[in-house]
């Protein structure tokens, strides 16, 4: 109704203006019969009101559609309109909607093809990395050790690319099960032993062996790997430890990963989960990509977990995952 009156307001204004002008012209011509003038104005106003009422009734569904926002694109329906203008606009919107859906489907097809290519490329790159790793695993030369460290970095980079590409199709690669928290953490830390040895940082695991959680082990292992990698990377002093604690708080199971690294400045803490944000530490550590904690946050949300982070400069950082 409001939209209708806003549209017809210029017509109403022009009508009363021309009514005044005509009455004034008749008055200048010497016509002084006020009653007849009011009667003619009343008849004219009734005709205007009748026209506006007819106009509103014939376009009522059209105005309701314009005033009611769409909940989703599927809410767009092909409703028959009773007036040529409304029907013409409806047909135009339908044509535009068809082009829009065609473009969306085209972009989805291209995106799916791109994701499939990325997945295939990552898997193809893993093969030569594994072969090179097998070739040098029995060598103790410093050069071979350095090559092994770089292979680990390449492997982590490929995994990040793969999981980033799969994030939009998370529901298709998702399996929930009850798992032992200690088993997952020990498995992840064992896989990162080269990183711990290279940085001379050691894990200290204090997890209740009977503590279980409900999650997806593969995605959980990936996000724990990202947190551990950050913890070790930003621990610049040797012979430090990464502490793993767990406890129950009501219905929640909480695991804390605490390092003794450089810490995160207070001004950077609100943005650490933003994509590509590296902050002050990122300028000092060139390996920072700004994607690790972003992926951790996204995966936690999709798994139904919560993540919190606390940090003090020069003392360390604590990451808390709440199951």
Protein backbone atom coordinates (compact mmCIF):
# COMPACT_ATOMS: atom_id res chain seq x y z
CA UNK A 1 0.00 0.00 0.00
CA UNK A 2 2.77 2.48 0.90
CA UNK A 3 4.58 1.80 -2.35
CA UNK A 4 1.37 2.38 -4.31
CA UNK A 5 0.70 5.77 -2.67
CA UNK A 6 4.31 6.82 -3.17
CA UNK A 7 3.99 6.03 -6.86
CA UNK A 8 0.63 7.84 -7.26
CA UNK A 9 1.61 10.89 -5.18
CA UNK A 10 2.70 12.98 -8.22
CA UNK A 11 -0.63 12.21 -9.94
CA UNK A 12 -2.61 13.29 -6.85
CA UNK A 13 -0.58 16.47 -6.55
CA UNK A 14 -1.05 17.36 -10.24
CA UNK A 15 -4.76 16.60 -10.00
CA UNK A 16 -5.39 18.99 -7.09
CA UNK A 17 -3.15 21.62 -8.67
CA UNK A 18 -5.04 21.56 -11.98
CA UNK A 19 -8.36 21.58 -10.07
CA UNK A 20 -7.28 24.75 -8.32
CA UNK A 21 -6.10 26.35 -11.58
CA UNK A 22 -9.36 25.60 -13.42
CA UNK A 23 -11.48 26.86 -10.52
CA UNK A 24 -9.37 30.03 -10.38
CA UNK A 25 -9.82 30.59 -14.15
CA UNK A 26 -13.59 30.27 -13.81
CA UNK A 27 -13.49 32.72 -10.88
CA UNK A 28 -11.57 35.25 -12.97
CA UNK A 29 -14.17 34.84 -15.72
CA UNK A 30 -16.84 35.97 -13.27
CA UNK A 31 -18.24 32.62 -12.20
CA UNK A 32 -18.99 32.96 -8.47
CA UNK A 33 -21.18 29.91 -7.71
CA UNK A 34 -19.16 28.29 -4.90
CA UNK A 35 -21.59 25.42 -4.34
CA UNK A 36 -21.43 24.34 -7.96
CA UNK A 37 -17.65 24.56 -7.90
CA UNK A 38 -17.44 22.38 -4.77
CA UNK A 39 -19.92 19.90 -6.26
CA UNK A 40 -17.89 19.57 -9.45
CA UNK A 41 -14.70 19.18 -7.40
CA UNK A 42 -16.35 16.46 -5.28
CA UNK A 43 -17.45 14.52 -8.36
CA UNK A 44 -13.99 14.82 -9.86
CA UNK A 45 -12.37 13.64 -6.59
CA UNK A 46 -14.70 10.65 -6.42
CA UNK A 47 -13.67 9.70 -9.95
CA UNK A 48 -10.00 10.02 -8.96
CA UNK A 49 -10.50 7.88 -5.87
CA UNK A 50 -12.33 5.28 -7.95
CA UNK A 51 -9.52 5.21 -10.48
CA UNK A 52 -6.88 4.86 -7.75
CA UNK A 53 -8.87 2.06 -6.08
CA UNK A 54 -9.23 0.21 -9.40
CA UNK A 55 -5.55 0.73 -10.11
CA UNK A 56 -4.54 -0.63 -6.71
CA UNK A 57 -6.82 -3.67 -6.86
CA UNK A 58 -5.57 -4.72 -10.29
CA UNK A 59 -1.92 -4.32 -9.24
CA UNK A 60 -2.20 -5.43 -5.61
CA UNK A 61 -0.22 -8.66 -6.03
CA UNK A 62 2.41 -6.78 -8.02
CA UNK A 63 2.92 -4.20 -5.27
CA UNK A 64 2.98 -6.89 -2.60
CA UNK A 65 5.73 -8.68 -4.53
CA UNK A 66 7.76 -5.47 -4.78
CA UNK A 67 7.40 -4.74 -1.05
CA UNK A 68 8.22 -8.30 0.08
CA UNK A 69 11.93 -9.20 -0.20
CA UNK A 70 12.93 -12.56 -1.62
CA UNK A 71 14.04 -15.13 0.97
CA UNK A 72 16.04 -17.01 -1.65
CA UNK A 73 16.37 -17.21 -5.42
CA UNK A 74 14.02 -20.22 -5.42
CA UNK A 75 11.34 -17.94 -3.95
CA UNK A 76 11.12 -16.17 -7.31
CA UNK A 77 7.92 -17.43 -8.96
CA UNK A 78 6.30 -16.84 -12.32
CA UNK A 79 3.02 -15.28 -11.19
CA UNK A 80 0.56 -14.02 -13.79
CA UNK A 81 -0.02 -10.26 -13.61
CA UNK A 82 -3.27 -8.48 -14.45
CA UNK A 83 -1.87 -5.34 -16.07
CA UNK A 84 0.40 -4.91 -19.11
CA UNK A 85 3.06 -2.94 -17.18
CA UNK A 86 3.28 -5.47 -14.32
CA UNK A 87 3.27 -8.38 -16.76
CA UNK A 88 5.99 -6.77 -18.87
CA UNK A 89 8.18 -6.17 -15.82
CA UNK A 90 7.56 -9.74 -14.63
CA UNK A 91 8.66 -11.15 -17.99
CA UNK A 92 11.76 -8.95 -17.95
CA UNK A 93 12.69 -10.19 -14.47
CA UNK A 94 12.10 -13.80 -15.49
CA UNK A 95 14.39 -13.37 -18.50
CA UNK A 96 17.04 -11.72 -16.34
CA UNK A 97 16.72 -14.48 -13.76
CA UNK A 98 17.27 -17.15 -16.42
CA UNK A 99 20.44 -15.42 -17.63
CA UNK A 100 21.60 -15.08 -14.03
CA UNK A 101 21.09 -18.78 -13.30
CA UNK A 102 22.83 -19.73 -16.54
CA UNK A 103 25.85 -17.61 -15.57
CA UNK A 104 25.88 -19.05 -12.04
CA UNK A 105 25.78 -22.61 -13.36
CA UNK A 106 28.57 -21.78 -15.80
CA UNK A 107 30.77 -20.35 -13.03
CA UNK A 108 30.00 -23.34 -10.78
CA UNK A 109 31.05 -25.69 -13.56
CA UNK A 110 34.30 -23.78 -14.05
CA UNK A 111 34.95 -23.68 -10.28
CA UNK A 112 34.34 -27.41 -9.91
CA UNK A 113 36.70 -28.07 -12.80
CA UNK A 114 39.33 -25.85 -11.18
CA UNK A 115 38.98 -27.62 -7.83
CA UNK A 116 39.23 -31.01 -9.53
CA UNK A 117 42.38 -29.86 -11.32
CA UNK A 118 43.91 -28.62 -8.04
CA UNK A 119 43.14 -31.95 -6.33
CA UNK A 120 44.69 -33.94 -9.16
CA UNK A 121 47.73 -31.67 -9.29
CA UNK A 122 48.33 -31.95 -5.54
CA UNK A 123 48.11 -35.75 -5.66
CA UNK A 124 50.50 -35.85 -8.61
CA UNK A 125 52.99 -33.64 -6.75
CA UNK A 126 52.88 -35.90 -3.69
CA UNK A 127 54.32 -38.81 -5.66
CA UNK A 128 57.71 -37.23 -6.55
CA UNK A 129 57.96 -35.81 -3.01
CA UNK A 130 57.52 -39.30 -1.57
CA UNK A 131 60.09 -40.71 -3.97
CA UNK A 132 62.65 -38.05 -3.06
CA UNK A 133 61.97 -38.64 0.62
CA UNK A 134 62.62 -42.38 0.19
CA UNK A 135 65.85 -41.64 -1.65
CA UNK A 136 67.32 -39.55 1.18
CA UNK A 137 65.77 -41.12 4.30
CA UNK A 138 68.83 -43.27 5.02
CA UNK A 139 71.33 -40.48 4.36
CA UNK A 140 72.86 -38.56 7.26
CA UNK A 141 74.62 -35.85 5.28
CA UNK A 142 73.67 -32.27 6.18
CA UNK A 143 72.64 -31.67 2.58
CA UNK A 144 70.17 -34.58 2.66
CA UNK A 145 68.81 -33.42 6.00
CA UNK A 146 68.22 -29.96 4.54
CA UNK A 147 66.48 -31.51 1.54
CA UNK A 148 64.24 -33.49 3.89
CA UNK A 149 63.29 -30.30 5.75
CA UNK A 150 62.37 -28.58 2.50
CA UNK A 151 60.34 -31.64 1.47
CA UNK A 152 58.34 -31.31 4.68
CA UNK A 153 57.63 -27.68 3.86
CA UNK A 154 56.51 -28.60 0.36
CA UNK A 155 54.27 -31.32 1.74
CA UNK A 156 52.62 -28.90 4.20
CA UNK A 157 52.12 -26.37 1.42
CA UNK A 158 50.46 -28.94 -0.81
CA UNK A 159 48.20 -30.07 2.02
CA UNK A 160 47.15 -26.49 2.66
CA UNK A 161 46.28 -26.05 -1.03
CA UNK A 162 44.32 -29.31 -1.03
CA UNK A 163 42.32 -28.57 2.13
CA UNK A 164 41.63 -25.01 1.03
CA UNK A 165 40.20 -26.29 -2.25
CA UNK A 166 38.08 -28.87 -0.40
CA UNK A 167 36.72 -26.40 2.14
CA UNK A 168 33.77 -25.33 -0.04
CA UNK A 169 32.76 -28.99 -0.50
CA UNK A 170 33.34 -29.86 3.15
CA UNK A 171 30.06 -31.77 3.50
CA UNK A 172 31.10 -34.20 0.78
CA UNK A 173 34.31 -35.15 2.61
CA UNK A 174 33.11 -35.36 6.19
CA UNK A 175 32.94 -38.35 8.54
CA UNK A 176 32.02 -37.97 12.22
CA UNK A 177 33.19 -40.53 14.74
CA UNK A 178 34.12 -40.84 18.40
CA UNK A 179 37.89 -40.67 18.74
CA UNK A 180 40.42 -40.56 21.57
CA UNK A 181 41.89 -37.09 21.87
CA UNK A 182 45.27 -38.33 23.11
CA UNK A 183 45.63 -40.70 20.15
CA UNK A 184 45.01 -37.92 17.63
CA UNK A 185 47.42 -35.50 19.27
CA UNK A 186 50.20 -38.07 19.60
CA UNK A 187 49.72 -39.09 15.98
CA UNK A 188 49.94 -35.48 14.79
CA UNK A 189 53.00 -34.67 16.90
CA UNK A 190 54.69 -37.86 15.70
CA UNK A 191 54.13 -36.83 12.08
CA UNK A 192 55.74 -33.46 12.87
CA UNK A 193 58.83 -34.92 14.57
CA UNK A 194 61.20 -33.58 11.89
CA UNK A 195 59.83 -30.08 12.55
CA UNK A 196 60.33 -30.47 16.30
CA UNK A 197 63.84 -31.80 15.85
CA UNK A 198 64.84 -29.11 13.37
CA UNK A 199 63.70 -26.31 15.68
CA UNK A 200 64.86 -28.15 18.84
CA UNK A 201 61.42 -27.76 20.39
CA UNK A 202 59.76 -30.64 22.20
CA UNK A 203 56.10 -31.58 22.78
CA UNK A 204 54.82 -32.11 26.32
CA UNK A 205 51.55 -34.05 26.15
CA UNK A 206 49.37 -34.16 29.25
CA UNK A 207 46.12 -35.57 27.85
CA UNK A 208 43.76 -37.93 29.64
CA UNK A 209 43.89 -41.20 27.73
CA UNK A 210 40.21 -41.88 28.38
CA UNK A 211 39.06 -38.52 27.02
CA UNK A 212 37.01 -38.90 23.83
CA UNK A 213 35.54 -36.36 21.42
CA UNK A 214 33.21 -36.46 18.45
CA UNK A 215 34.80 -35.05 15.33
CA UNK A 216 36.30 -35.82 11.93
CA UNK A 217 39.80 -37.22 12.51
CA UNK A 218 41.25 -36.16 9.16
CA UNK A 219 40.11 -32.52 9.34
CA UNK A 220 40.96 -32.37 13.05
CA UNK A 221 44.48 -33.64 12.37
CA UNK A 222 44.95 -31.00 9.70
CA UNK A 223 43.90 -28.11 11.95
CA UNK A 224 46.06 -29.44 14.81
CA UNK A 225 48.97 -29.60 12.38
CA UNK A 226 48.45 -25.95 11.46
CA UNK A 227 48.38 -24.91 15.12
CA UNK A 228 51.49 -26.96 15.96
CA UNK A 229 53.36 -25.63 12.91
CA UNK A 230 52.64 -22.06 14.00
CA UNK A 231 53.63 -22.82 17.59
CA UNK A 232 56.97 -24.28 16.55
CA UNK A 233 57.65 -21.68 13.87
CA UNK A 234 57.25 -18.76 16.26
CA UNK A 235 59.34 -20.38 19.00
CA UNK A 236 62.75 -18.95 18.20
CA UNK A 237 64.63 -20.13 21.29
CA UNK A 238 65.89 -23.71 21.47
CA UNK A 239 65.00 -26.34 24.08
CA UNK A 240 61.53 -24.92 24.55
CA UNK A 241 58.33 -26.95 24.79
CA UNK A 242 54.87 -27.06 23.27
CA UNK A 243 52.39 -28.04 26.00
CA UNK A 244 49.20 -30.00 25.31
CA UNK A 245 46.59 -29.92 28.10
CA UNK A 246 43.02 -31.18 28.20
CA UNK A 247 40.16 -30.94 30.68
CA UNK A 248 36.41 -31.08 30.95
CA UNK A 249 34.28 -28.00 31.56
CA UNK A 250 30.64 -29.00 31.95
CA UNK A 251 29.57 -30.68 28.74
CA UNK A 252 32.60 -29.32 26.85
CA UNK A 253 35.94 -31.00 26.27
CA UNK A 254 38.76 -28.49 25.99
CA UNK A 255 42.29 -28.93 24.68
CA UNK A 256 44.92 -26.22 25.03
CA UNK A 257 48.08 -25.93 22.95
CA UNK A 258 50.55 -23.59 24.61
CA UNK A 259 53.92 -22.50 23.25
CA UNK A 260 56.81 -20.46 24.61
CA UNK A 261 57.30 -18.39 21.49
CA UNK A 262 57.39 -14.72 20.60
CA UNK A 263 53.69 -14.18 21.22
CA UNK A 264 51.21 -12.10 19.26
CA UNK A 265 50.85 -8.33 19.76
CA UNK A 266 47.55 -7.31 21.36
CA UNK A 267 46.64 -5.18 18.34
CA UNK A 268 46.91 -8.21 16.02
CA UNK A 269 44.83 -10.65 18.09
CA UNK A 270 41.39 -9.59 16.75
CA UNK A 271 42.53 -10.25 13.17
CA UNK A 272 44.57 -13.45 13.43
CA UNK A 273 41.72 -15.49 11.93
CA UNK A 274 41.33 -13.19 8.90
CA UNK A 275 42.55 -14.61 5.57
CA UNK A 276 46.02 -13.49 4.45
CA UNK A 277 46.58 -11.49 7.64
CA UNK A 278 50.16 -11.95 8.84
CA UNK A 279 50.46 -9.05 11.28
CA UNK A 280 53.63 -7.82 12.89
CA UNK A 281 55.11 -11.32 13.23
CA UNK A 282 54.55 -11.96 9.55
CA UNK A 283 57.02 -9.20 8.71
CA UNK A 284 59.67 -10.88 10.83
CA UNK A 285 58.96 -14.48 9.74
CA UNK A 286 58.91 -14.69 5.95
CA UNK A 287 57.22 -18.12 5.91
CA UNK A 288 53.95 -16.66 7.15
CA UNK A 289 51.06 -16.88 4.66
CA UNK A 290 48.17 -15.67 6.81
CA UNK A 291 46.09 -18.71 5.82
CA UNK A 292 46.87 -21.21 8.60
CA UNK A 293 44.69 -19.81 11.38
CA UNK A 294 42.04 -18.77 8.87
CA UNK A 295 41.66 -22.40 7.76
CA UNK A 296 41.70 -23.53 11.40
CA UNK A 297 38.83 -21.16 12.19
CA UNK A 298 36.80 -22.24 9.16
CA UNK A 299 37.29 -25.95 9.87
CA UNK A 300 36.35 -25.51 13.55
CA UNK A 301 33.12 -23.78 12.57
CA UNK A 302 32.22 -26.51 10.09
CA UNK A 303 33.02 -29.23 12.66
CA UNK A 304 30.93 -27.48 15.29
CA UNK A 305 33.91 -26.69 17.52
CA UNK A 306 35.00 -23.34 18.93
CA UNK A 307 38.48 -21.88 18.99
CA UNK A 308 39.97 -19.20 21.22
CA UNK A 309 43.44 -17.69 21.30
CA UNK A 310 45.34 -15.83 24.00
CA UNK A 311 48.83 -14.46 23.73
CA UNK A 312 51.41 -12.36 25.54
CA UNK A 313 54.37 -10.89 23.70
CA UNK A 314 57.70 -12.60 24.57
CA UNK A 315 55.89 -15.17 26.70
CA UNK A 316 53.91 -17.33 24.29
CA UNK A 317 50.51 -18.14 22.82
CA UNK A 318 47.72 -20.43 23.95
CA UNK A 319 45.22 -21.84 21.47
CA UNK A 320 42.13 -23.35 22.99
CA UNK A 321 39.82 -25.72 21.05
CA UNK A 322 36.43 -26.37 22.65
CA UNK A 323 34.65 -29.57 21.59
